Protein backbone atom coordinates (compact mmCIF):
# COMPACT_ATOMS: atom_id res chain seq x y z
CA MET A 1 -16.84 -6.43 42.23
CA LYS A 2 -16.88 -6.47 38.46
CA ILE A 3 -20.08 -5.52 36.66
CA LYS A 4 -20.54 -7.22 33.35
CA LEU A 5 -21.91 -4.72 30.83
CA GLN A 6 -22.54 -6.97 27.83
CA THR A 7 -25.98 -8.10 28.99
CA LEU A 8 -26.82 -4.55 30.02
CA ILE A 9 -25.93 -3.12 26.63
CA PHE A 10 -27.92 -5.84 24.87
CA SER A 11 -30.96 -5.08 27.02
CA ILE A 12 -30.63 -1.39 26.30
CA LEU A 13 -30.50 -2.01 22.58
CA LEU A 14 -33.65 -4.10 22.79
CA LEU A 15 -35.40 -1.36 24.68
CA ALA A 16 -34.24 1.26 22.22
CA LEU A 17 -35.43 -0.77 19.24
CA CYS A 18 -38.69 -1.93 20.86
CA PRO A 19 -40.00 0.92 23.07
CA VAL A 20 -42.16 -0.10 25.99
CA PHE A 21 -45.84 0.88 25.71
CA GLY A 22 -46.75 -0.18 29.23
CA GLN A 23 -47.87 1.92 32.14
CA ASN A 24 -45.09 1.14 34.55
CA VAL A 25 -42.16 3.49 34.54
CA SER A 26 -39.31 1.57 32.92
CA LEU A 27 -36.09 2.19 31.02
CA TYR A 28 -36.64 3.79 27.61
CA ASN A 29 -33.13 4.82 26.57
CA GLN A 30 -29.59 5.14 27.87
CA PHE A 31 -26.75 7.47 26.93
CA ASN A 32 -23.07 7.07 27.83
CA GLY A 33 -20.63 9.90 27.34
CA ARG A 34 -19.89 13.41 28.47
CA TYR A 35 -23.61 14.04 28.83
CA ASP A 36 -26.04 15.84 31.09
CA PHE A 37 -29.76 16.54 30.91
CA ILE A 38 -32.19 19.40 31.29
CA PHE A 39 -35.98 19.78 31.49
CA VAL A 40 -37.63 22.66 29.59
CA GLY A 41 -41.41 23.01 29.85
CA ASN A 42 -44.42 24.78 31.25
CA THR A 43 -47.86 24.23 32.66
CA MET A 44 -51.17 25.08 30.99
CA ASN A 45 -52.70 25.83 34.42
CA GLN A 46 -53.00 29.49 35.31
CA GLY A 47 -53.11 28.68 39.00
CA GLU A 48 -53.00 25.72 41.34
CA ASN A 49 -56.16 23.73 40.72
CA ASN A 50 -56.54 22.95 44.42
CA ILE A 51 -57.28 26.57 45.36
CA THR A 52 -58.13 28.36 42.13
CA PRO A 53 -61.87 28.62 41.43
CA GLY A 54 -63.22 27.61 38.07
CA CYS A 55 -61.97 24.78 35.91
CA GLU A 56 -61.79 24.59 32.15
CA ASP A 57 -61.61 28.35 31.79
CA LEU A 58 -58.30 28.43 33.62
CA LEU A 59 -56.56 25.86 31.36
CA LEU A 60 -54.60 27.38 28.50
CA THR A 61 -54.01 25.61 25.19
CA SER A 62 -50.48 26.92 24.80
CA SER A 63 -47.53 27.98 26.92
CA SER A 64 -43.85 28.72 26.43
CA ALA A 65 -40.48 28.04 27.98
CA SER A 66 -36.91 28.96 27.06
CA LEU A 67 -33.91 26.76 26.30
CA THR A 68 -30.51 28.23 27.06
CA LEU A 69 -27.46 26.02 26.53
CA ASN A 70 -23.85 27.15 26.44
CA SER A 71 -22.04 27.28 23.11
CA ASN A 72 -20.03 24.18 23.99
CA GLN A 73 -23.16 22.16 24.75
CA GLN A 74 -24.57 20.13 21.86
CA ILE A 75 -28.05 18.61 21.85
CA ILE A 76 -27.96 14.82 21.51
CA SER A 77 -31.64 13.93 22.01
CA ALA A 78 -34.85 15.83 22.73
CA TYR A 79 -38.05 14.07 23.83
CA LEU A 80 -41.35 15.92 24.11
CA TYR A 81 -43.87 14.79 26.72
CA TRP A 82 -47.28 16.35 27.19
CA ALA A 83 -50.03 15.33 29.60
CA GLY A 84 -53.42 16.29 30.88
CA SER A 85 -56.75 15.25 32.32
CA GLY A 86 -58.69 12.82 30.19
CA PRO A 87 -59.21 9.17 29.42
CA GLY A 88 -57.50 7.05 26.79
CA THR A 89 -54.76 8.60 24.71
CA GLY A 90 -56.02 12.13 25.29
CA ASP A 91 -54.87 14.84 22.90
CA THR A 92 -52.42 13.10 20.54
CA ALA A 93 -51.66 16.01 18.19
CA VAL A 94 -50.00 19.25 19.27
CA LYS A 95 -47.71 21.87 17.82
CA LEU A 96 -44.22 22.85 18.93
CA ASN A 97 -43.20 26.26 17.63
CA GLY A 98 -46.01 25.95 15.10
CA ILE A 99 -44.84 22.56 13.77
CA ASN A 100 -47.27 19.66 13.98
CA VAL A 101 -46.23 16.93 16.40
CA VAL A 102 -48.11 13.64 16.61
CA ALA A 103 -47.73 11.27 19.56
CA GLN A 104 -45.50 8.28 18.90
CA ARG A 105 -46.20 6.62 22.24
CA ASN A 106 -49.04 7.01 24.73
CA PHE A 107 -49.58 6.32 28.42
CA SER A 108 -52.66 6.47 30.65
CA PHE A 109 -53.45 6.12 34.34
CA THR A 110 -56.77 5.70 36.16
CA ASN A 111 -57.06 6.82 39.77
CA PRO A 112 -58.38 3.79 41.67
CA ASN A 113 -60.24 6.04 44.12
CA SER A 114 -61.97 8.49 41.77
CA GLN A 115 -61.84 6.33 38.61
CA LEU A 116 -60.73 9.46 36.76
CA ALA A 117 -58.22 8.86 33.94
CA TYR A 118 -55.19 10.88 32.85
CA PHE A 119 -52.98 10.66 29.77
CA SER A 120 -49.46 11.34 28.65
CA ALA A 121 -48.00 11.40 25.14
CA PHE A 122 -44.47 11.19 23.77
CA ALA A 123 -42.70 12.29 20.57
CA ASP A 124 -39.04 12.34 19.60
CA VAL A 125 -38.39 15.93 18.48
CA THR A 126 -34.58 15.77 18.36
CA THR A 127 -34.37 17.10 14.80
CA LEU A 128 -36.69 20.03 15.50
CA VAL A 129 -34.92 21.08 18.70
CA THR A 130 -31.43 20.57 17.24
CA THR A 131 -32.34 22.76 14.28
CA THR A 132 -33.90 25.46 16.46
CA GLY A 133 -31.31 25.49 19.23
CA ASN A 134 -31.53 28.02 22.02
CA GLY A 135 -34.59 30.21 22.30
CA ASN A 136 -38.25 30.19 23.10
CA TYR A 137 -40.34 27.04 22.65
CA THR A 138 -44.12 27.22 22.54
CA LEU A 139 -46.34 24.19 22.78
CA SER A 140 -49.84 24.83 21.42
CA ASP A 141 -53.05 23.00 20.55
CA LEU A 142 -53.01 21.06 23.82
CA ASP A 143 -56.73 21.30 24.59
CA VAL A 144 -58.47 19.25 27.30
CA SER A 145 -61.42 21.63 27.77
CA GLN A 146 -63.97 19.30 26.17
CA THR A 147 -62.94 16.52 28.55
CA LEU A 148 -63.43 18.79 31.53
CA LEU A 149 -66.84 19.93 30.26
CA ASN A 150 -68.01 16.38 29.61
CA ILE A 151 -66.60 14.81 32.77
CA PRO A 152 -67.24 17.25 35.65
CA GLY A 153 -65.46 14.95 38.11
CA TYR A 154 -62.09 16.43 37.18
CA CYS A 155 -63.17 19.88 38.27
CA ALA A 156 -64.94 18.56 41.33
CA ASN A 157 -61.81 16.69 42.42
CA ARG A 158 -59.57 19.59 41.44
CA THR A 159 -57.44 17.36 39.19
CA ASN A 160 -57.83 19.46 36.07
CA PHE A 161 -54.38 20.00 34.55
CA ALA A 162 -52.31 20.06 31.35
CA GLY A 163 -48.65 20.73 30.66
CA TRP A 164 -45.58 19.81 28.61
CA THR A 165 -41.84 19.36 28.87
CA LEU A 166 -38.80 18.73 26.73
CA VAL A 167 -36.37 16.17 28.18
CA ILE A 168 -33.06 17.11 26.58
CA VAL A 169 -29.78 15.20 26.72
CA TYR A 170 -26.76 17.24 25.66
CA ASN A 171 -23.04 16.76 25.21
CA ASP A 172 -20.44 18.92 26.94
CA LEU A 173 -16.74 18.02 26.59
CA SER A 174 -15.97 19.69 29.90
CA LEU A 175 -18.19 17.20 31.72
CA PRO A 176 -17.02 13.94 33.21
CA LEU A 177 -18.27 10.79 31.57
CA ASN A 178 -21.82 10.13 32.68
CA GLN A 179 -24.48 7.55 32.10
CA ILE A 180 -27.91 9.05 31.49
CA ASN A 181 -30.91 6.72 31.88
CA ILE A 182 -34.38 7.85 30.79
CA TYR A 183 -37.31 5.93 32.28
CA ASP A 184 -40.92 6.69 31.36
CA GLY A 185 -44.45 5.43 31.82
CA LEU A 186 -47.38 6.79 33.85
CA GLN A 187 -47.92 5.74 37.45
CA GLY A 188 -49.69 7.59 40.22
CA ILE A 189 -50.48 8.08 43.88
CA PRO A 190 -52.20 8.16 46.35
CA PRO A 191 -51.83 6.27 48.48
CA ALA A 192 -48.35 4.91 47.68
CA LEU A 193 -46.13 4.05 44.73
CA SER A 194 -42.91 2.07 44.37
CA ILE A 195 -40.82 2.19 41.18
CA THR A 196 -37.70 0.08 40.70
CA LEU A 197 -35.18 1.68 38.39
CA ASN A 198 -33.23 -1.13 36.73
CA ASN A 199 -30.13 -1.12 34.52
CA LEU A 200 -28.18 1.28 36.68
CA ASN A 201 -24.40 1.05 36.70
CA VAL A 202 -23.26 2.79 39.86
CA ILE A 203 -19.49 2.97 39.68
CA ASN A 204 -18.98 6.38 41.24
CA THR A 205 -21.62 8.21 43.23
CA ALA A 206 -20.04 11.65 42.84
CA GLY A 207 -22.44 14.05 41.12
CA ALA A 208 -25.25 11.49 40.88
CA GLU A 209 -28.64 13.06 40.22
CA ILE A 210 -32.23 12.03 39.66
CA GLY A 211 -34.85 14.09 37.85
CA PHE A 212 -38.65 13.76 37.86
CA VAL A 213 -41.30 14.91 35.40
CA ALA A 214 -44.50 14.71 37.45
CA TRP A 215 -48.03 16.02 36.95
CA GLU A 216 -50.86 17.28 39.13
CA GLY A 217 -48.90 17.87 42.34
CA ASP A 218 -50.32 20.63 44.57
CA ALA A 219 -48.19 22.89 46.72
CA ASN A 220 -51.00 23.25 49.26
CA LEU A 221 -51.62 19.52 49.70
CA ALA A 222 -48.84 18.02 51.78
CA ILE A 223 -50.59 15.32 53.72
CA SER A 224 -48.27 12.36 54.40
CA GLU A 225 -46.36 13.16 51.23
CA THR A 226 -42.85 11.63 50.96
CA LEU A 227 -40.31 10.84 48.27
CA SER A 228 -37.40 8.51 48.96
CA ILE A 229 -34.74 6.55 47.12
CA ASN A 230 -33.33 3.36 48.59
CA GLY A 231 -35.07 4.19 51.86
CA SER A 232 -33.62 7.70 52.21
CA VAL A 233 -35.96 10.70 51.97
CA LEU A 234 -35.16 13.18 49.21
CA SER A 235 -35.50 16.90 49.66
CA ASN A 236 -34.24 20.10 48.12
CA PRO A 237 -35.33 22.87 50.48
CA PRO A 238 -36.70 25.42 50.23
CA LEU A 239 -37.91 24.50 46.73
CA ASN A 240 -38.81 20.88 47.60
CA PRO A 241 -39.19 20.25 51.35
CA ALA A 242 -39.03 16.67 52.58
CA ASN A 243 -42.79 16.59 53.26
CA ASN A 244 -43.92 18.20 49.99
CA ALA A 245 -41.75 17.03 47.11
CA PHE A 246 -44.30 17.51 44.29
CA ASN A 247 -45.43 21.07 44.76
CA GLY A 248 -45.38 22.76 41.35
CA THR A 249 -41.66 23.62 41.11
CA ASN A 250 -38.91 23.72 38.50
CA SER A 251 -35.40 22.96 39.82
CA PHE A 252 -33.81 24.27 36.63
CA THR A 253 -35.38 27.74 36.81
CA GLY A 254 -36.10 27.93 40.53
CA SER A 255 -39.77 28.58 39.81
CA SER A 256 -42.41 27.66 42.40
CA THR A 257 -45.33 28.59 40.12
CA LEU A 258 -45.20 25.64 37.75
CA TYR A 259 -48.78 24.87 38.68
CA ASN A 260 -49.72 21.20 38.89
CA MET A 261 -46.52 19.91 37.35
CA ASP A 262 -42.96 19.36 38.60
CA LEU A 263 -39.60 19.45 36.82
CA ASP A 264 -37.36 18.56 39.76
CA VAL A 265 -33.77 17.34 40.18
CA TYR A 266 -32.21 15.90 43.35
CA ASN A 267 -28.62 15.09 44.25
CA ILE A 268 -28.49 11.40 45.21
CA GLN A 269 -24.77 10.74 45.62
CA ASN A 270 -25.38 9.86 49.28
CA ASN A 271 -28.31 7.59 48.42
CA LEU A 272 -26.49 5.11 46.20
CA THR A 273 -23.72 2.58 46.74
CA VAL A 274 -21.02 1.68 44.27
CA GLY A 275 -22.06 -1.55 42.60
CA ASN A 276 -25.81 -0.83 42.66
CA SER A 277 -27.61 -1.97 39.51
CA ASN A 278 -31.04 -0.73 40.59
CA ALA A 279 -32.66 1.80 42.87
CA LEU A 280 -36.04 1.79 44.63
CA ILE A 281 -38.15 4.95 44.37
CA GLN A 282 -40.92 5.13 46.97
CA MET A 283 -43.62 7.80 47.15
CA SER A 284 -46.65 8.30 49.32
CA SER A 285 -49.44 10.85 49.56
CA GLY A 286 -52.41 11.04 51.87
CA GLN A 287 -54.47 13.20 49.49
CA ASP A 288 -52.53 14.85 46.68
CA VAL A 289 -52.75 13.05 43.33
CA VAL A 290 -49.27 12.84 41.78
CA LEU A 291 -48.51 11.24 38.40
CA ILE A 292 -44.95 10.18 37.64
CA ASN A 293 -44.29 10.35 33.89
CA VAL A 294 -40.48 10.52 33.45
CA VAL A 295 -37.52 9.68 35.68
CA VAL A 296 -33.98 10.55 34.57
CA THR A 297 -30.80 9.42 36.35
CA LYS A 298 -27.28 10.74 35.88
CA LEU A 299 -24.37 8.64 37.13
CA ASN A 300 -20.66 9.30 36.76
CA SER A 301 -19.11 6.67 34.48
CA GLN A 302 -15.44 7.73 34.35
CA LEU A 303 -13.66 4.42 34.34
CA PRO A 304 -10.40 2.77 33.37
CA ASP A 305 -10.30 -0.06 30.86
CA ALA A 306 -7.66 -2.62 31.79
CA THR A 307 -6.43 -4.91 29.04
CA ILE A 308 -3.48 -7.27 29.03
CA ALA A 309 -1.28 -8.78 26.34
CA ILE A 310 1.45 -11.41 26.35
CA ASP A 311 4.40 -9.86 24.51
CA ASN A 312 7.00 -12.60 24.51
CA ILE A 313 7.63 -16.05 25.94
CA THR A 314 11.10 -17.43 26.54
CA GLN A 315 11.42 -21.18 26.94
CA THR A 316 14.28 -23.61 27.29
CA CYS A 317 14.23 -27.13 25.95
CA ASP A 318 13.02 -29.93 28.22
CA SER A 319 12.01 -27.48 30.95
CA ARG A 320 8.66 -26.49 32.46
CA THR A 321 9.98 -23.08 33.46
CA MET A 322 9.35 -20.14 31.15
CA THR A 323 9.71 -16.37 31.29
CA VAL A 324 6.77 -14.29 30.07
CA ASP A 325 6.87 -10.60 29.14
CA PHE A 326 3.44 -8.97 29.39
CA THR A 327 1.84 -5.53 29.19
CA VAL A 328 -1.17 -4.09 31.01
CA SER A 329 -2.76 -1.17 29.15
CA ASN A 330 -5.33 1.48 29.97
CA LEU A 331 -5.84 2.78 26.45
CA ASN A 332 -9.54 3.25 25.68
CA ALA A 333 -10.23 4.60 29.15
CA THR A 334 -11.71 7.63 30.80
CA ASN A 335 -9.90 7.37 34.10
CA ASP A 336 -6.57 6.17 35.49
CA LEU A 337 -6.21 2.51 36.41
CA ILE A 338 -5.45 2.14 40.08
CA ALA A 339 -2.28 0.45 41.33
CA GLN A 340 -2.08 -3.10 42.71
CA VAL A 341 -4.62 -4.46 40.24
CA PRO A 342 -4.38 -8.27 40.51
CA ILE A 343 -3.35 -10.45 37.58
CA ALA A 344 -4.14 -14.16 37.46
CA VAL A 345 -2.24 -16.66 35.31
CA TYR A 346 -3.96 -19.85 34.19
CA ALA A 347 -2.87 -22.94 32.28
CA ASP A 348 -5.87 -24.76 30.81
CA SER A 349 -8.08 -23.01 33.41
CA THR A 350 -5.82 -24.11 36.27
CA LEU A 351 -4.54 -21.21 38.33
CA ILE A 352 -0.73 -21.17 38.29
CA THR A 353 0.07 -17.95 40.11
CA THR A 354 -1.00 -14.37 40.63
CA THR A 355 0.80 -11.05 40.43
CA GLN A 356 -0.26 -7.40 40.31
CA THR A 357 0.43 -4.06 38.72
CA LEU A 358 2.83 -1.92 40.71
CA SER A 359 1.71 1.60 39.93
CA ILE A 360 -1.14 3.73 38.61
CA ILE A 361 -1.54 3.43 34.84
CA PRO A 362 -2.73 6.77 33.43
CA ILE A 363 -5.21 7.08 30.55
CA GLY A 364 -3.70 6.05 27.23
CA THR A 365 -0.59 4.42 28.70
CA SER A 366 0.71 0.95 29.47
CA TRP A 367 2.85 -0.84 32.03
CA SER A 368 5.09 -3.78 31.17
CA SER A 369 6.61 -6.44 33.36
CA GLN A 370 8.03 -9.95 33.35
CA ILE A 371 7.19 -13.07 35.31
CA THR A 372 8.80 -16.51 35.55
CA LEU A 373 6.34 -19.40 35.51
CA THR A 374 6.77 -23.04 36.38
CA ILE A 375 4.11 -25.14 34.68
CA PRO A 376 2.83 -27.90 37.01
CA ALA A 377 3.56 -31.49 36.02
CA ASN A 378 -0.16 -32.30 35.65
CA ILE A 379 -0.52 -29.76 32.83
CA PRO A 380 0.00 -31.38 29.42
CA ALA A 381 2.80 -30.23 27.15
CA ASN A 382 0.25 -28.53 24.89
CA PHE A 383 -1.99 -26.13 26.79
CA THR A 384 -3.53 -22.66 26.72
CA LEU A 385 -1.75 -19.97 28.71
CA GLN A 386 -4.12 -17.22 29.88
CA PHE A 387 -3.35 -13.94 31.64
CA VAL A 388 -6.33 -12.14 33.22
CA VAL A 389 -5.98 -8.63 34.58
CA ASP A 390 -8.23 -7.54 37.44
CA ASP A 391 -8.60 -11.11 38.65
CA ASN A 392 -7.36 -12.21 42.06
CA GLY A 393 -7.44 -15.86 41.06
CA THR A 394 -11.08 -16.42 41.98
CA GLY A 395 -12.60 -14.55 39.04
CA GLN A 396 -13.05 -11.40 41.14
CA GLY A 397 -11.43 -8.01 40.60
CA ILE A 398 -11.08 -4.71 42.40
CA ALA A 399 -11.47 -2.20 39.55
CA PHE A 400 -14.68 -1.05 37.91
CA GLU A 401 -14.06 -0.70 34.18
CA LEU A 402 -15.69 0.66 31.06
CA ILE A 403 -15.61 -2.81 29.52
CA GLU A 404 -15.46 -5.82 31.80
CA ASN A 405 -15.13 -8.57 29.21
CA ASN A 406 -11.76 -7.66 27.66
CA ASN A 407 -9.48 -8.46 30.60
CA SER A 408 -7.90 -11.66 29.31
CA PHE A 409 -5.29 -12.72 26.79
CA SER A 410 -4.78 -16.34 25.76
CA ILE A 411 -2.15 -18.03 23.67
CA PRO A 412 -1.56 -21.71 22.85
CA ILE A 413 1.67 -23.07 24.28
CA SER A 414 3.70 -26.14 23.42
CA LEU A 415 6.47 -26.86 25.88
CA TRP A 416 9.78 -27.24 24.11
CA THR A 417 11.06 -30.81 24.16
CA SER A 418 14.07 -32.28 22.43
CA PRO A 419 13.20 -34.57 19.53
CA GLU A 420 12.92 -38.27 20.21
CA TYR A 421 15.02 -40.50 18.01
CA ASN A 422 15.72 -44.12 17.21
CA GLU A 423 19.06 -45.67 18.02
CA LEU A 424 20.87 -46.76 14.86
CA GLU A 425 22.90 -49.88 14.27
CA PRO A 426 26.47 -49.54 12.98
CA LEU A 427 26.77 -49.49 9.22
CA GLU A 428 29.27 -51.82 7.58
CA SER A 429 30.95 -51.61 4.21
CA CYS A 430 33.77 -53.47 2.52
CA ASN A 431 37.30 -52.54 3.47
CA GLU A 432 38.83 -50.86 0.49
CA GLY A 433 42.24 -50.93 2.02
CA LEU A 434 43.73 -49.83 5.29
CA THR A 435 40.17 -49.72 6.73
CA ARG A 436 39.03 -47.22 4.11
CA ALA A 437 35.41 -47.79 3.02
CA THR A 438 32.56 -46.14 1.12
CA PHE A 439 29.11 -45.86 2.72
CA ASP A 440 25.55 -44.90 1.82
CA PHE A 441 23.72 -43.84 4.99
CA SER A 442 21.24 -41.44 3.36
CA ASN A 443 18.31 -43.62 4.53
CA TYR A 444 19.43 -43.17 8.15
CA ALA A 445 17.85 -39.69 8.06
CA ASP A 446 14.42 -41.32 8.01
CA LEU A 447 15.33 -44.24 10.23
CA VAL A 448 16.58 -42.08 13.09
CA LYS A 449 13.45 -39.86 13.26
CA VAL A 450 10.46 -40.63 15.48
CA ASN A 451 8.65 -37.53 14.27
CA GLN A 452 8.95 -37.38 10.52
CA THR A 453 8.58 -33.57 10.49
CA ASP A 454 11.94 -33.20 12.25
CA THR A 455 15.00 -32.32 10.21
CA VAL A 456 18.22 -34.35 10.23
CA THR A 457 21.81 -33.46 9.39
CA PHE A 458 24.98 -35.58 9.58
CA HIS A 459 28.29 -34.31 10.97
CA GLU A 460 31.81 -35.66 11.41
CA SER A 461 32.21 -34.34 14.95
CA GLN A 462 29.97 -33.75 17.95
CA ILE A 463 31.03 -30.10 18.12
CA ASP A 464 29.94 -29.58 14.53
CA ALA A 465 26.62 -31.27 15.28
CA GLU A 466 26.00 -29.16 18.36
CA ASN A 467 26.81 -25.97 16.45
CA SER A 468 24.96 -27.12 13.32
CA VAL A 469 27.96 -26.49 11.03
CA ASN A 470 29.86 -28.45 8.39
CA ALA A 471 27.06 -30.86 7.58
CA ILE A 472 27.93 -33.93 5.51
CA LEU A 473 26.40 -33.41 2.09
CA ASN A 474 27.23 -36.73 0.39
CA SER A 475 25.67 -39.19 2.79
CA PHE A 476 24.82 -41.41 -0.18
CA ASN A 477 28.51 -41.85 -1.13
CA TYR A 478 30.54 -41.07 1.94
CA ILE A 479 34.19 -42.18 1.98
CA ALA A 480 35.62 -42.93 5.39
CA THR A 481 39.41 -42.88 5.08
CA ALA A 482 39.71 -44.90 8.25
CA THR A 483 37.27 -46.95 10.28
CA PRO A 484 35.70 -47.30 12.78
CA LYS A 485 34.30 -43.82 12.13
CA GLU A 486 31.65 -42.19 14.34
CA ILE A 487 29.07 -40.09 12.49
CA PHE A 488 27.04 -37.62 14.56
CA ILE A 489 23.37 -36.84 13.81
CA ARG A 490 21.59 -33.61 14.70
CA ILE A 491 17.78 -33.99 14.87
CA GLU A 492 15.88 -30.69 15.06
CA ASN A 493 12.28 -29.67 15.64
CA ASP A 494 11.05 -26.06 15.68
CA HIS A 495 12.90 -25.20 18.89
CA CYS A 496 15.11 -28.00 20.17
CA ASN A 497 17.64 -30.52 18.95
CA SER A 498 19.01 -33.88 19.94
CA ILE A 499 22.42 -35.36 19.14
CA THR A 500 23.04 -39.05 18.54
CA SER A 501 25.56 -41.02 16.54
CA PHE A 502 26.30 -44.29 14.82
CA LEU A 503 29.45 -46.10 13.72
CA LEU A 504 30.81 -46.75 10.27
CA LEU A 505 32.62 -50.07 10.25
CA SER A 506 34.65 -51.72 7.54
CA LYS A 507 34.80 -55.43 7.05
CA ASN A 508 37.16 -57.58 5.02
CA CYS A 509 35.10 -58.76 2.10
CA PRO A 510 36.25 -61.79 0.01
CA PRO A 511 38.87 -60.79 -2.58
CA THR A 512 38.03 -61.03 -6.27
CA VAL A 513 40.32 -63.35 -8.25
CA TYR A 514 40.86 -62.56 -11.92
CA ASN A 515 41.93 -66.04 -13.20
CA PHE A 516 43.13 -65.12 -16.66
CA ILE A 517 46.62 -63.83 -17.45
CA SER A 518 47.74 -62.53 -20.86
CA ALA A 519 51.34 -61.49 -20.34
CA ASN A 520 51.61 -59.57 -23.62
CA GLY A 521 52.66 -56.25 -22.15
CA ASP A 522 49.46 -54.40 -23.07
CA GLY A 523 48.84 -53.43 -19.49
CA ILE A 524 45.73 -55.57 -19.21
CA ASN A 525 45.87 -58.79 -17.18
CA ASP A 526 49.65 -58.92 -17.59
CA SER A 527 49.95 -60.47 -14.13
CA PHE A 528 47.86 -62.49 -11.72
CA THR A 529 45.51 -59.88 -10.18
CA ILE A 530 43.43 -60.37 -7.02
CA LYS A 531 41.35 -57.34 -6.22
CA GLY A 532 40.78 -56.48 -2.57
CA LEU A 533 43.76 -58.33 -1.29
CA ARG A 534 46.98 -56.43 -0.64
CA ASP A 535 45.81 -53.51 1.62
CA ILE A 536 43.19 -55.61 3.27
CA PHE A 537 44.55 -59.08 3.93
CA VAL A 538 48.03 -57.85 4.62
CA ASN A 539 49.25 -61.25 5.89
CA PHE A 540 48.11 -63.29 2.93
CA GLU A 541 50.19 -66.10 1.34
CA LEU A 542 49.68 -67.20 -2.26
CA ASN A 543 51.02 -70.47 -3.77
CA LEU A 544 50.86 -71.49 -7.43
CA TYR A 545 51.09 -75.04 -8.78
CA ASN A 546 51.42 -76.36 -12.27
CA ARG A 547 49.15 -78.99 -13.65
CA TRP A 548 51.35 -81.72 -12.22
CA GLY A 549 51.06 -80.28 -8.72
CA LYS A 550 54.53 -78.83 -8.53
CA LEU A 551 54.88 -75.57 -6.55
CA ILE A 552 56.25 -72.98 -8.93
CA TRP A 553 55.62 -69.70 -7.12
CA THR A 554 55.03 -68.35 -3.63
CA GLY A 555 54.08 -64.76 -2.85
CA ASN A 556 52.83 -62.42 -0.11
CA ASN A 557 52.34 -58.70 0.53
CA GLN A 558 56.04 -58.11 -0.02
CA THR A 559 56.21 -59.71 -3.50
CA GLU A 560 54.91 -58.48 -6.81
CA ASN A 561 52.05 -60.11 -8.62
CA TRP A 562 52.92 -63.33 -10.45
CA ASN A 563 53.66 -62.64 -14.13
CA GLY A 564 54.50 -66.17 -15.37
CA TYR A 565 57.89 -66.70 -13.80
CA SER A 566 58.79 -69.15 -11.12
CA ASN A 567 60.49 -68.12 -7.92
CA LYS A 568 61.10 -71.68 -6.79
CA GLY A 569 64.29 -72.36 -8.79
CA HIS A 570 62.59 -73.01 -12.10
CA ARG A 571 62.01 -70.37 -14.76
CA LEU A 572 59.29 -71.13 -17.20
CA ASP A 573 60.53 -72.09 -20.62
CA GLU A 574 59.72 -69.27 -22.92
CA ASN A 575 59.54 -71.76 -25.75
CA SER A 576 57.03 -73.95 -24.06
CA THR A 577 53.39 -74.03 -24.97
CA SER A 578 51.69 -70.63 -24.92
CA GLU A 579 48.80 -71.78 -22.87
CA SER A 580 48.78 -73.52 -19.55
CA THR A 581 46.46 -73.98 -16.61
CA TYR A 582 47.69 -73.48 -13.08
CA TYR A 583 46.25 -74.02 -9.66
CA TYR A 584 46.39 -71.48 -6.80
CA ILE A 585 45.92 -71.74 -3.06
CA LEU A 586 45.37 -68.41 -1.26
CA ASN A 587 45.72 -68.31 2.52
CA LEU A 588 44.24 -64.99 3.73
CA ASN A 589 45.39 -65.53 7.32
CA ASP A 590 42.26 -63.65 8.54
CA GLU A 591 40.03 -64.86 11.33
CA GLY A 592 37.02 -64.24 9.12
CA TYR A 593 38.37 -66.62 6.51
CA PRO A 594 39.96 -69.60 8.23
CA ASP A 595 39.87 -71.76 5.10
CA PRO A 596 42.10 -71.01 2.12
CA LEU A 597 40.70 -69.94 -1.21
CA SER A 598 41.69 -72.07 -4.19
CA GLY A 599 41.04 -72.35 -7.89
CA TYR A 600 42.42 -72.52 -11.40
CA LEU A 601 43.89 -69.81 -13.53
CA TYR A 602 44.88 -69.77 -17.19
CA TYR A 603 48.11 -68.23 -18.43
CA THR A 604 49.02 -67.13 -21.95
CA LYS A 605 51.73 -64.89 -23.39
CA TYR A 606 49.55 -63.54 -26.16
């Protein structure tokens, strides 16, 4: 039921920029707004040419008519048409209120029966009429007398005529919104004539009207004369009976003495159907020559303008269900938006669901609601979410609108998913005593990430990781006071996070033996020092032998470091040589080191 206006507007612009110079009556211009129209004009005939004797003597060269608009009615456009008997372009220069007017467009028609030709001319006189305003308008210098003298057939056939009219479109803020279409050309009967009026936009038939500017109709010739629209006969009795529509009348003034021209308006609200984009005008006449020069239609165009916007989307991680807040507006509208207007929801052009508005949305207001969507599994994680108002899911709507191509709102969506991550191997470092160890796991931030744009933080507990608090700042020099120690990793993307962990393990690294002793009391190497031994290999046993292989000292984690004295019943002679080489055997008693460590050490007292 929607009518797309974009193509229509484009066509109208083309017509407005490139006026049609053909004979067929076709669209010349269109106006949309609080507009109406009026015809102001007069004949040059002093009597009906069908019954009035004489010919050229009875045609005037000037006549007058009055324009009376209310103070709240503003002229938008004024087009002057004049016509008469004669071939070609006829009289192309006239005067309106003494001001020269030259034809900007011309039309002509030749009667196929009599071969007599008739002309019509057009000029845009908006500036002149706007400046003058209400009052008397006189068209002068319209002279067809020489044509009638030179071509006696006009008088013989009683088709001698001349006349003029102003087609005026005006604005009135008290009016409803209307669409005014002006069609012009020059087509005639008898015997019959059909004119298709295109580019209509029938959205509301209330107050619909059609106006005709026609020439040469005779009140006393009503032989098989009909006028219909879409197959229905038009009439406006007593001024325009059904069998004599073109009879020298003016619907605006009520005059029936507008000899050989007609300025008529008919109500056609019962002759059109909502949704019509064209109308068929059909005319017939058994004898009377009638020339159609201008057709004007007025259609009510008060419409809503439904638009929709997605306000907010609430997602949860690793879920295809989301909550969407949206608003339907009727802002740039001229009528309320009806209730129960359908709304279709699409994901990558796949219909997900439909909903509808719940109440009437007045002009300039909005209505907001919320809907929960479940995105089907066949829709990728990255897709386009589209809401379309006035769409029942098949591309069809129920509301006629001012603008039919602004009903949708689209937004790219990425479903929230928790970051992927790589599992990490435990990290080992040397036991510094009682399972204490120092670690550098700063490179694990890159190793754990699958997506390198994710962010990584390290935490000492899972609760801290989940709450993203108390991050470890010194991952390059982290001291674990006891191991095994579990370190938790929080990996974050823009919306979600994942938690994983790895272990810090300590291992018993080989002790470092310092094999030089200078027992001089300076605090440096005063005793036999083995780094990485006592708090690590707590069950060690150390034996020392002199150069002759005699055991002189035995120690373990409960004895002090050897400082040159024997604990095997022999104290070293302080007066002996100051230098001596000894041999040690160190049993670590650790499953990682089943074989003892052994070597030489040198002892001096200086």
